[in-house]
Amino acid sequence: MAYFSQRRNMSSTTLAERRRAIVRGIPESFTSALASHFGEGPNDLELARKQHAGYAHTLREHGVEVIEIEPDDNHPDCVFVEDQAVTLGKKCFIPIPGHESRIGEQEAVVSTLAEFQEIVRMEHGIMDGGDVLRIGDILFIGRSKRTDDAGISSFRDFVEGEGFELRAIDIPPHVLHLTSMCSSPRDDILLLTENTVSIEAFGELPTTEVIMIPESEVKGVNAIGFGDRAIVAAGNPTVEQELTSRGFELTIIDISQISAADASLTCCSVFFP
């Protein structure tokens, strides 16, 4: 393990800002969801819906007000709302999705967030919200198949003057998003998958512990933290052991059908104050 400095937060929200979350149900077309990285493609619609309902219930058990949007059967990936919006305080950045098939998912998410957030729309490039991770006053953005340089530039314009530093990380071809290979369930911890990017790619951040997780548990490296509590995907013993040994109380949930669509825990929600 290694140590860096700064406080880490999952996605773009701090713990205090994880008061509400938008989630969206599983569509009839979910078995056609995109899958080409660590997923094999979902194949059990009933199980997927049961797992997603469990996910929403678990968020509520952690004190989150969950706002549910109806699924859209025309969009197999619509459950993965994280990609459609990035919230920073009371502002919300709406990117142009990195895969053309997902553009039509966006308006239902935007119209719901507009009741609570100031909406800022991206004008140039492509970007998925899953490529954003916040660590204190530093925002990391992945340069990936779904987020290009023009998208990074647009996001940089959005955060300018808000007190953040933006750092770009090159995402390897076998990884979908930045948050597909790492997460920060508590301010002082970063879970990072082996054989993705080096620790040095994040730059100098002393006093934050970086815990390397075997590539075989890439589906579980993405965790949602609430102080000393965390939600973790089932079937990832190294993740469980590392977090438990550091004082976490874990809630372990089965998201096997979600993971089959190249998705992780944070993919299914947009948190905001």
Protein backbone atom coordinates (compact mmCIF):
# COMPACT_ATOMS: atom_id res chain seq x y z
CA MET A 1 0.00 0.00 0.00
CA ALA A 2 1.01 3.64 -0.44
CA TYR A 3 0.06 6.95 1.07
CA PHE A 4 -1.09 10.20 -0.53
CA SER A 5 -2.52 13.52 0.97
CA GLN A 6 -5.97 15.05 0.62
CA ARG A 7 -9.41 13.85 1.48
CA ARG A 8 -11.14 11.47 -0.87
CA ASN A 9 -14.78 11.36 -1.77
CA MET A 10 -16.77 9.03 -3.95
CA SER A 11 -17.71 10.51 -7.33
CA SER A 12 -18.16 14.30 -7.13
CA THR A 13 -20.03 14.47 -3.81
CA THR A 14 -18.86 14.79 -0.25
CA LEU A 15 -20.42 12.74 2.53
CA ALA A 16 -22.55 15.71 3.62
CA GLU A 17 -23.83 16.08 0.05
CA ARG A 18 -25.01 12.47 -0.20
CA ARG A 19 -28.42 13.41 1.16
CA ARG A 20 -30.46 12.61 -1.94
CA ALA A 21 -30.01 10.29 -4.88
CA ILE A 22 -31.71 9.73 -8.21
CA VAL A 23 -32.06 6.12 -9.32
CA ARG A 24 -33.82 4.67 -12.34
CA GLY A 25 -35.47 1.29 -12.72
CA ILE A 26 -34.51 -1.66 -14.90
CA PRO A 27 -36.09 -1.50 -18.40
CA GLU A 28 -37.57 -4.47 -20.28
CA SER A 29 -34.67 -4.13 -22.71
CA PHE A 30 -31.97 -4.45 -20.03
CA THR A 31 -30.62 -7.72 -21.42
CA SER A 32 -29.46 -5.66 -24.44
CA ALA A 33 -27.37 -3.30 -22.28
CA LEU A 34 -23.84 -2.53 -23.43
CA ALA A 35 -21.21 -4.93 -22.11
CA SER A 36 -17.67 -5.31 -23.43
CA HIS A 37 -15.30 -4.73 -20.51
CA PHE A 38 -15.76 -6.82 -17.34
CA GLY A 39 -19.41 -7.73 -18.01
CA GLU A 40 -20.84 -10.75 -19.79
CA GLY A 41 -24.21 -9.11 -20.46
CA PRO A 42 -27.24 -9.36 -18.14
CA ASN A 43 -29.51 -12.35 -18.73
CA ASP A 44 -32.06 -12.39 -15.90
CA LEU A 45 -34.47 -9.46 -15.89
CA GLU A 46 -36.34 -10.56 -12.76
CA LEU A 47 -33.12 -10.94 -10.78
CA ALA A 48 -31.82 -7.60 -12.06
CA ARG A 49 -34.96 -5.86 -10.80
CA LYS A 50 -34.73 -7.59 -7.44
CA GLN A 51 -31.09 -6.53 -7.08
CA HIS A 52 -31.84 -2.95 -8.09
CA ALA A 53 -34.70 -2.74 -5.59
CA GLY A 54 -32.27 -3.99 -2.95
CA TYR A 55 -29.80 -1.30 -3.97
CA ALA A 56 -32.40 1.48 -3.55
CA HIS A 57 -33.50 0.01 -0.22
CA THR A 58 -29.89 -0.07 1.01
CA LEU A 59 -29.39 3.60 0.12
CA ARG A 60 -32.49 4.45 2.16
CA GLU A 61 -31.12 2.44 5.08
CA HIS A 62 -28.05 4.71 4.92
CA GLY A 63 -30.21 7.82 5.29
CA VAL A 64 -30.46 8.75 1.61
CA GLU A 65 -33.68 10.19 0.19
CA VAL A 66 -34.09 8.12 -2.97
CA ILE A 67 -35.93 9.61 -5.94
CA GLU A 68 -36.92 6.95 -8.45
CA ILE A 69 -37.40 7.62 -12.16
CA GLU A 70 -39.39 5.29 -14.38
CA PRO A 71 -37.28 3.18 -16.75
CA ASP A 72 -37.36 3.72 -20.51
CA ASP A 73 -37.59 0.48 -22.47
CA ASN A 74 -36.08 2.22 -25.51
CA HIS A 75 -32.82 2.61 -23.60
CA PRO A 76 -31.32 -0.60 -22.16
CA ASP A 77 -28.65 1.28 -20.15
CA CYS A 78 -30.95 3.92 -18.62
CA VAL A 79 -30.51 2.47 -15.11
CA PHE A 80 -26.94 3.82 -15.10
CA VAL A 81 -27.79 7.41 -14.27
CA GLU A 82 -24.33 8.34 -12.94
CA ASP A 83 -23.09 8.87 -16.49
CA GLN A 84 -25.76 11.47 -17.26
CA ALA A 85 -24.96 14.15 -14.67
CA VAL A 86 -22.18 15.38 -12.36
CA THR A 87 -23.25 17.41 -9.35
CA LEU A 88 -21.03 19.87 -7.49
CA GLY A 89 -22.90 21.44 -4.62
CA LYS A 90 -26.00 23.07 -6.10
CA LYS A 91 -24.73 22.99 -9.69
CA CYS A 92 -25.14 20.10 -12.08
CA PHE A 93 -23.10 19.46 -15.24
CA ILE A 94 -24.95 17.63 -18.00
CA PRO A 95 -22.45 16.02 -20.38
CA ILE A 96 -22.90 14.73 -23.92
CA PRO A 97 -22.81 10.95 -23.37
CA GLY A 98 -19.85 9.06 -24.74
CA HIS A 99 -21.97 6.41 -26.46
CA GLU A 100 -24.58 7.64 -28.92
CA SER A 101 -27.16 5.07 -27.85
CA ARG A 102 -27.35 6.68 -24.41
CA ILE A 103 -28.19 10.25 -25.39
CA GLY A 104 -31.94 9.67 -25.25
CA GLU A 105 -31.76 8.57 -21.61
CA GLN A 106 -30.76 11.99 -20.42
CA GLU A 107 -33.80 14.25 -20.37
CA ALA A 108 -35.69 12.34 -17.68
CA VAL A 109 -32.64 12.64 -15.40
CA VAL A 110 -32.17 16.33 -16.22
CA SER A 111 -35.81 17.25 -15.64
CA THR A 112 -35.73 15.59 -12.23
CA LEU A 113 -32.45 17.20 -11.18
CA ALA A 114 -33.65 20.62 -12.41
CA GLU A 115 -36.08 20.68 -9.48
CA PHE A 116 -33.09 20.83 -7.12
CA GLN A 117 -30.03 21.93 -9.09
CA GLU A 118 -28.77 24.66 -11.39
CA ILE A 119 -28.35 22.88 -14.73
CA VAL A 120 -25.29 23.57 -16.92
CA ARG A 121 -25.18 21.76 -20.26
CA MET A 122 -22.02 20.68 -22.01
CA GLU A 123 -21.63 22.10 -25.53
CA HIS A 124 -18.55 20.37 -26.96
CA GLY A 125 -16.97 16.93 -26.80
CA ILE A 126 -18.19 13.78 -25.07
CA MET A 127 -18.09 12.75 -21.42
CA ASP A 128 -19.61 10.20 -19.03
CA GLY A 129 -20.13 11.01 -15.36
CA GLY A 130 -18.50 7.70 -14.47
CA ASP A 131 -15.17 9.25 -15.41
CA VAL A 132 -15.26 11.74 -12.50
CA LEU A 133 -13.90 11.19 -8.98
CA ARG A 134 -13.52 13.85 -6.30
CA ILE A 135 -10.81 13.98 -3.64
CA GLY A 136 -11.25 16.98 -1.38
CA ASP A 137 -10.79 20.00 -3.62
CA ILE A 138 -9.31 17.92 -6.42
CA LEU A 139 -11.44 16.46 -9.20
CA PHE A 140 -10.08 13.64 -11.30
CA ILE A 141 -11.43 13.00 -14.77
CA GLY A 142 -10.68 9.97 -16.89
CA ARG A 143 -9.63 10.36 -20.50
CA SER A 144 -11.36 7.27 -21.85
CA LYS A 145 -13.37 5.80 -24.71
CA ARG A 146 -16.34 7.73 -23.36
CA THR A 147 -14.62 11.01 -22.37
CA ASP A 148 -12.44 12.93 -24.83
CA ASP A 149 -10.19 16.00 -24.58
CA ALA A 150 -12.97 18.35 -25.67
CA GLY A 151 -15.19 16.91 -22.95
CA ILE A 152 -12.45 17.38 -20.37
CA SER A 153 -12.04 20.98 -21.52
CA SER A 154 -15.78 21.62 -21.19
CA PHE A 155 -15.80 20.17 -17.69
CA ARG A 156 -12.78 22.28 -16.81
CA ASP A 157 -14.76 25.38 -17.82
CA PHE A 158 -17.60 24.22 -15.55
CA VAL A 159 -15.41 23.86 -12.47
CA GLU A 160 -13.36 27.01 -13.10
CA GLY A 161 -13.81 29.52 -10.30
CA GLU A 162 -15.38 26.91 -8.00
CA GLY A 163 -12.20 26.27 -6.00
CA PHE A 164 -11.27 22.91 -7.54
CA GLU A 165 -8.19 21.58 -9.26
CA LEU A 166 -8.91 19.27 -12.19
CA ARG A 167 -6.50 16.45 -13.03
CA ALA A 168 -6.89 14.14 -16.02
CA ILE A 169 -5.94 10.46 -15.90
CA ASP A 170 -5.51 8.31 -19.00
CA ILE A 171 -7.76 5.26 -18.72
CA PRO A 172 -6.41 2.03 -20.29
CA PRO A 173 -8.44 0.48 -23.15
CA HIS A 174 -9.59 -2.50 -21.07
CA VAL A 175 -11.26 -0.20 -18.49
CA LEU A 176 -14.57 1.57 -19.19
CA HIS A 177 -14.50 4.49 -16.73
CA LEU A 178 -12.34 5.96 -13.99
CA THR A 179 -14.81 4.74 -11.36
CA SER A 180 -14.79 1.27 -12.95
CA MET A 181 -11.30 0.74 -11.49
CA CYS A 182 -11.26 2.79 -8.27
CA SER A 183 -13.35 4.42 -5.58
CA SER A 184 -12.98 6.30 -2.33
CA PRO A 185 -15.39 4.97 0.31
CA ARG A 186 -13.88 7.22 2.98
CA ASP A 187 -11.81 10.40 2.79
CA ASP A 188 -8.58 8.67 3.78
CA ILE A 189 -8.84 5.61 1.50
CA LEU A 190 -8.60 4.90 -2.22
CA LEU A 191 -9.34 1.44 -3.55
CA LEU A 192 -7.45 0.94 -6.82
CA THR A 193 -7.50 -2.10 -9.09
CA GLU A 194 -4.19 -3.70 -10.01
CA ASN A 195 -3.15 -3.65 -13.69
CA THR A 196 -5.10 -0.48 -14.47
CA VAL A 197 -3.15 2.72 -13.76
CA SER A 198 -0.25 3.43 -11.43
CA ILE A 199 -0.68 5.15 -8.10
CA GLU A 200 1.48 7.96 -9.49
CA ALA A 201 -1.18 8.75 -12.11
CA PHE A 202 -3.17 10.51 -9.38
CA GLY A 203 -0.33 12.91 -8.62
CA GLU A 204 0.95 13.91 -5.22
CA LEU A 205 -1.63 13.41 -2.48
CA PRO A 206 0.19 12.60 0.80
CA THR A 207 -1.58 10.87 3.76
CA THR A 208 -4.32 9.10 1.84
CA GLU A 209 -3.94 5.34 1.92
CA VAL A 210 -4.08 3.62 -1.45
CA ILE A 211 -5.14 -0.02 -1.23
CA MET A 212 -4.40 -2.18 -4.24
CA ILE A 213 -7.15 -4.67 -5.08
CA PRO A 214 -6.59 -7.74 -7.28
CA GLU A 215 -7.85 -7.45 -10.85
CA SER A 216 -10.09 -10.46 -10.17
CA GLU A 217 -12.16 -8.19 -7.87
CA VAL A 218 -12.53 -5.26 -10.26
CA LYS A 219 -16.31 -5.63 -10.04
CA GLY A 220 -16.12 -4.90 -6.32
CA VAL A 221 -13.52 -2.13 -6.14
CA ASN A 222 -16.25 0.49 -6.55
CA ALA A 223 -17.80 1.02 -3.10
CA ILE A 224 -20.14 3.67 -1.67
CA GLY A 225 -19.02 5.17 1.63
CA PHE A 226 -20.95 6.81 4.44
CA GLY A 227 -18.34 7.66 7.06
CA ASP A 228 -17.36 4.38 8.70
CA ARG A 229 -20.09 2.50 6.85
CA ALA A 230 -19.87 1.31 3.26
CA ILE A 231 -21.91 -0.52 0.66
CA VAL A 232 -19.90 -3.20 -1.12
CA ALA A 233 -20.73 -5.61 -3.95
CA ALA A 234 -20.89 -9.28 -2.92
CA GLY A 235 -18.20 -11.72 -3.95
CA ASN A 236 -15.13 -9.57 -3.29
CA PRO A 237 -13.33 -10.94 -0.22
CA THR A 238 -10.22 -8.77 -0.52
CA VAL A 239 -12.30 -5.58 -0.62
CA GLU A 240 -14.29 -6.81 2.39
CA GLN A 241 -11.20 -7.72 4.38
CA GLU A 242 -9.35 -4.48 3.65
CA LEU A 243 -12.29 -2.29 4.60
CA THR A 244 -13.33 -4.30 7.65
CA SER A 245 -9.77 -4.20 8.99
CA ARG A 246 -9.95 -0.41 8.82
CA GLY A 247 -13.08 -0.18 10.93
CA PHE A 248 -15.81 -0.19 8.30
CA GLU A 249 -19.23 -1.63 8.94
CA LEU A 250 -20.15 -3.18 5.60
CA THR A 251 -23.46 -3.75 3.89
CA ILE A 252 -22.87 -6.34 1.20
CA ILE A 253 -25.36 -6.56 -1.64
CA ASP A 254 -25.60 -8.76 -4.72
CA ILE A 255 -25.40 -6.76 -7.96
CA SER A 256 -24.31 -9.59 -10.27
CA GLN A 257 -26.79 -8.63 -13.02
CA ILE A 258 -25.76 -4.96 -12.74
CA SER A 259 -22.09 -5.92 -13.00
CA ALA A 260 -22.90 -8.06 -16.03
CA ALA A 261 -23.62 -4.80 -17.88
CA ASP A 262 -20.11 -3.40 -17.13
CA ALA A 263 -21.51 -1.45 -14.17
CA SER A 264 -20.62 -0.88 -10.51
CA LEU A 265 -22.45 0.42 -7.44
CA THR A 266 -22.05 4.14 -8.11
CA CYS A 267 -23.26 3.75 -11.71
CA CYS A 268 -26.85 3.38 -10.48
CA SER A 269 -27.20 6.73 -8.70
CA VAL A 270 -26.64 10.47 -8.90
CA PHE A 271 -26.08 11.91 -5.42
CA PHE A 272 -26.78 15.54 -4.57
CA PRO A 273 -27.44 17.72 -1.50
